[in-house]
Amino acid sequence: MISPDAGQRHLLVVDDDDRIRDLLKQFLSRAGFRVTTAQDAESARRLMDLLDFDLMIFDVMMPGEDGFSLTRWVRKRSPTPVLILTARGLPDDRIEGLSLGADDYLPKPFEPQELLLRVEAILRRAGPKPSGPRKVKLGAYDFDLDRAELTAEGGGPVRLTEAEAQLLKILAQNAHAAVDRMDLARDTADATGRAVDVQVTRLRRKIETDPRNPRYLQTVRGVGYMLAPD
């Protein structure tokens, strides 16, 4: 079931347990969210430097820096909502998490549906996601997000395959923010991401003056791709 609050919302899940991290990503992705994951606080910090998130979900008990410390660090820098997950359900732990600025606290074990309901409630309190421009300019080209159409100067249409149009639309909706390569591959027949790489190469030939040194459709090392319109 797709969550009514999911539209283009980007979640960060930080948990050192590979199984839980993967299960949460699968469940929340099926609910319609974009989900990026990290296995520890250090990885999460790097992702936060590159990407924008609408909500962050932190496990407390992680090796090295724990979820409480990461929440404190985030709250000094950003109003982005934080939901804390932990196996420690004592009242003092809940109070500590909330006092550090967490928006909610969910003890383990929990039902995935309860997590989804809490995520939806936090996002509703945070308000609607600001809508971006419905057209983006890429040098001599314009891309209409509503129609998923690319036109050259003078209004001449540029032919895009359906896959290319959808890829460009996702990148345009997240303009100037890196989008995880595997997130882009999620809805393709090739879950390895190779199909995305092929589509990016073809798009660069259509919109870039020098496809080997792209100005607009950029590669973000270790993450994926970013569209940087004028």
Protein backbone atom coordinates (compact mmCIF):
# COMPACT_ATOMS: atom_id res chain seq x y z
CA MET A 1 0.00 0.00 0.00
CA ILE A 2 1.37 3.40 -0.99
CA SER A 3 1.47 5.96 1.81
CA PRO A 4 -0.42 9.20 1.02
CA ASP A 5 2.47 11.12 2.60
CA ALA A 6 5.18 9.39 0.58
CA GLY A 7 5.27 11.46 -2.62
CA GLN A 8 8.95 12.16 -3.29
CA ARG A 9 9.75 12.11 0.44
CA HIS A 10 13.34 11.02 1.05
CA LEU A 11 14.16 9.01 4.19
CA LEU A 12 17.55 8.15 5.70
CA VAL A 13 17.71 4.90 7.70
CA VAL A 14 20.81 4.41 9.89
CA ASP A 15 21.21 0.98 11.52
CA ASP A 16 24.24 -1.27 11.93
CA ASP A 17 22.12 -4.44 11.54
CA ASP A 18 22.21 -5.34 7.84
CA ARG A 19 19.03 -7.40 8.01
CA ILE A 20 16.96 -4.73 9.74
CA ARG A 21 18.35 -2.01 7.50
CA ASP A 22 17.45 -3.93 4.33
CA LEU A 23 13.99 -4.88 5.62
CA LEU A 24 13.20 -1.26 6.50
CA LYS A 25 14.36 -0.07 3.10
CA GLN A 26 12.20 -2.65 1.32
CA PHE A 27 9.12 -1.92 3.43
CA LEU A 28 9.36 1.88 3.25
CA SER A 29 10.20 1.78 -0.47
CA ARG A 30 7.07 -0.28 -1.13
CA ALA A 31 5.13 2.42 0.74
CA GLY A 32 6.34 4.92 -1.87
CA PHE A 33 9.26 6.60 -0.11
CA ARG A 34 12.76 7.16 -1.47
CA VAL A 35 15.02 5.43 1.04
CA THR A 36 18.76 5.78 1.52
CA THR A 37 20.57 3.70 4.15
CA ALA A 38 23.78 3.92 6.19
CA GLN A 39 25.40 1.40 8.51
CA ASP A 40 26.87 3.87 11.00
CA ALA A 41 26.96 7.52 12.02
CA GLU A 42 30.08 8.29 9.97
CA SER A 43 28.44 7.05 6.76
CA ALA A 44 25.27 8.95 7.65
CA ARG A 45 27.18 12.22 8.04
CA ARG A 46 28.73 11.82 4.59
CA LEU A 47 25.31 11.21 3.06
CA MET A 48 23.85 14.26 4.81
CA ASP A 49 26.59 16.38 3.25
CA LEU A 50 25.50 15.19 -0.21
CA LEU A 51 21.75 14.65 0.00
CA ASP A 52 18.62 16.30 1.39
CA PHE A 53 16.31 14.22 3.57
CA ASP A 54 12.75 14.75 4.75
CA LEU A 55 13.08 12.45 7.77
CA MET A 56 15.86 10.44 9.42
CA ILE A 57 15.49 7.14 11.29
CA PHE A 58 18.35 6.34 13.69
CA ASP A 59 19.07 3.18 15.65
CA VAL A 60 20.47 4.03 19.09
CA MET A 61 22.73 1.04 19.74
CA MET A 62 25.43 1.32 17.07
CA PRO A 63 29.18 0.69 17.37
CA GLY A 64 31.14 3.90 17.67
CA GLU A 65 28.88 6.94 17.73
CA ASP A 66 25.37 6.06 18.89
CA GLY A 67 22.01 7.36 17.67
CA PHE A 68 21.67 9.83 20.56
CA SER A 69 24.95 11.53 19.66
CA LEU A 70 24.02 11.59 15.97
CA THR A 71 20.64 13.15 16.82
CA ARG A 72 22.37 15.86 18.85
CA TRP A 73 24.70 16.59 15.91
CA VAL A 74 21.82 16.78 13.42
CA ARG A 75 19.68 19.01 15.62
CA LYS A 76 22.46 21.62 15.86
CA ARG A 77 22.53 21.85 12.07
CA SER A 78 19.09 21.04 10.69
CA PRO A 79 15.37 20.99 11.56
CA THR A 80 14.96 17.69 9.67
CA PRO A 81 12.72 15.36 11.74
CA VAL A 82 14.36 12.41 13.52
CA LEU A 83 12.75 9.14 14.61
CA ILE A 84 14.80 7.02 17.03
CA LEU A 85 14.68 3.20 17.10
CA THR A 86 16.12 1.24 19.99
CA ALA A 87 15.93 -2.02 21.89
CA ARG A 88 16.21 0.00 25.09
CA GLY A 89 12.64 0.93 25.99
CA LEU A 90 13.27 2.41 29.44
CA PRO A 91 11.56 5.74 30.23
CA ASP A 92 14.92 7.46 30.85
CA ASP A 93 16.09 6.46 27.36
CA ARG A 94 12.93 7.80 25.75
CA ILE A 95 13.28 11.04 27.68
CA GLU A 96 16.92 11.38 26.64
CA GLY A 97 16.10 10.86 22.97
CA LEU A 98 13.25 13.36 22.98
CA SER A 99 15.26 15.90 24.98
CA LEU A 100 17.97 15.78 22.31
CA GLY A 101 15.42 16.86 19.72
CA ALA A 102 14.09 13.57 18.34
CA ASP A 103 10.53 13.87 17.05
CA ASP A 104 9.49 10.37 18.08
CA TYR A 105 10.83 7.22 19.71
CA LEU A 106 9.95 3.61 18.80
CA PRO A 107 11.19 0.67 20.92
CA LYS A 108 12.27 -2.59 19.26
CA PRO A 109 10.76 -4.99 18.37
CA PHE A 110 8.05 -3.13 16.48
CA GLU A 111 5.55 -3.83 13.75
CA PRO A 112 6.56 -2.26 10.40
CA GLN A 113 3.06 -0.84 10.05
CA GLU A 114 3.49 1.06 13.32
CA LEU A 115 6.75 2.52 12.04
CA LEU A 116 4.99 3.62 8.84
CA LEU A 117 2.19 5.28 10.83
CA ARG A 118 4.71 7.16 12.97
CA VAL A 119 6.67 8.27 9.89
CA GLU A 120 3.45 9.53 8.28
CA ALA A 121 2.46 11.41 11.46
CA ILE A 122 5.86 13.12 11.69
CA LEU A 123 5.75 14.16 8.03
CA ARG A 124 2.23 15.55 8.41
CA ARG A 125 3.40 17.67 11.35
CA ALA A 126 6.39 18.83 9.30
CA GLY A 127 4.04 20.10 6.60
CA PRO A 128 3.97 19.58 2.82
CA LYS A 129 7.18 19.12 0.90
CA PRO A 130 7.99 22.36 -0.97
CA SER A 131 7.25 21.93 -4.63
CA GLY A 132 10.05 22.59 -7.04
CA PRO A 133 9.87 24.28 -10.43
CA ARG A 134 7.82 22.38 -13.03
CA LYS A 135 10.31 23.22 -15.76
CA VAL A 136 14.09 23.16 -15.67
CA LYS A 137 16.50 24.74 -18.14
CA LEU A 138 19.49 22.75 -19.35
CA GLY A 139 21.41 25.15 -21.57
CA ALA A 140 19.71 25.06 -24.96
CA TYR A 141 17.02 22.67 -23.69
CA ASP A 142 13.97 22.83 -21.44
CA PHE A 143 12.51 19.88 -19.58
CA ASP A 144 8.82 19.93 -18.58
CA LEU A 145 8.36 17.78 -15.46
CA ASP A 146 4.58 17.49 -15.81
CA ARG A 147 4.77 16.19 -19.36
CA ALA A 148 8.23 14.59 -19.06
CA GLU A 149 9.10 16.30 -22.35
CA LEU A 150 12.43 17.73 -23.50
CA THR A 151 12.46 20.55 -26.03
CA ALA A 152 15.26 22.43 -27.76
CA GLU A 153 15.43 26.20 -28.27
CA GLY A 154 12.64 27.18 -30.61
CA GLY A 155 10.32 24.51 -29.25
CA GLY A 156 11.57 21.54 -31.24
CA PRO A 157 10.92 18.25 -29.38
CA VAL A 158 13.80 15.97 -28.45
CA ARG A 159 12.89 12.30 -28.56
CA LEU A 160 13.30 10.47 -25.25
CA THR A 161 12.57 6.85 -24.50
CA GLU A 162 10.12 6.28 -21.65
CA ALA A 163 12.96 5.14 -19.40
CA GLU A 164 15.06 8.23 -20.25
CA ALA A 165 12.09 10.54 -19.61
CA GLN A 166 11.35 8.99 -16.22
CA LEU A 167 15.00 9.08 -15.19
CA LEU A 168 15.30 12.74 -16.17
CA LYS A 169 12.06 13.54 -14.33
CA ILE A 170 13.29 11.95 -11.07
CA LEU A 171 16.59 13.83 -11.32
CA ALA A 172 14.78 17.10 -12.13
CA GLN A 173 12.46 16.66 -9.14
CA ASN A 174 15.60 16.43 -7.00
CA ALA A 175 17.61 19.09 -8.84
CA HIS A 176 21.01 19.92 -7.33
CA ALA A 177 20.79 16.88 -5.00
CA ALA A 178 22.51 13.57 -5.66
CA VAL A 179 20.15 10.64 -6.19
CA ASP A 180 21.32 7.18 -5.20
CA ARG A 181 22.10 5.09 -8.28
CA MET A 182 20.35 2.03 -6.85
CA ASP A 183 17.26 4.09 -6.07
CA LEU A 184 17.16 5.09 -9.73
CA ALA A 185 17.51 1.42 -10.69
CA ARG A 186 14.76 0.23 -8.36
CA ASP A 187 11.99 0.39 -10.95
CA THR A 188 14.05 -0.93 -13.85
CA ALA A 189 14.37 -4.50 -15.06
CA ASP A 190 18.09 -4.41 -14.25
CA ALA A 191 18.51 -3.99 -10.49
CA THR A 192 22.33 -3.82 -10.85
CA GLY A 193 22.15 -0.21 -12.04
CA ARG A 194 23.76 -0.88 -15.43
CA ALA A 195 20.55 0.13 -17.23
CA VAL A 196 20.66 3.47 -15.41
CA ASP A 197 24.25 4.03 -16.54
CA VAL A 198 23.23 3.37 -20.15
CA GLN A 199 20.31 5.80 -19.91
CA VAL A 200 22.55 8.48 -18.38
CA THR A 201 25.05 8.05 -21.23
CA ARG A 202 22.27 8.46 -23.82
CA LEU A 203 20.79 11.48 -22.06
CA ARG A 204 24.19 13.17 -21.94
CA ARG A 205 24.49 12.78 -25.71
CA LYS A 206 21.18 14.62 -26.06
CA ILE A 207 21.61 17.50 -23.57
CA GLU A 208 25.34 18.02 -23.11
CA THR A 209 27.65 20.03 -25.33
CA ASP A 210 30.49 17.72 -24.29
CA PRO A 211 29.04 14.41 -23.02
CA ARG A 212 32.45 13.32 -21.70
CA ASN A 213 32.58 16.40 -19.46
CA PRO A 214 28.94 16.82 -18.46
CA ARG A 215 27.76 20.17 -17.15
CA TYR A 216 24.17 19.25 -16.31
CA LEU A 217 23.93 15.49 -15.69
CA GLN A 218 26.75 14.94 -13.24
CA THR A 219 28.16 11.83 -11.59
CA VAL A 220 28.44 11.95 -7.78
CA ARG A 221 31.13 9.46 -6.78
CA GLY A 222 29.97 6.75 -4.43
CA VAL A 223 26.33 7.85 -4.62
CA GLY A 224 24.80 8.17 -8.08
CA TYR A 225 23.79 11.07 -10.31
CA MET A 226 22.72 14.70 -9.94
CA LEU A 227 21.00 17.09 -12.33
CA ALA A 228 22.33 20.65 -12.09
CA PRO A 229 20.04 22.83 -14.24
CA ASP A 230 20.70 26.53 -14.92
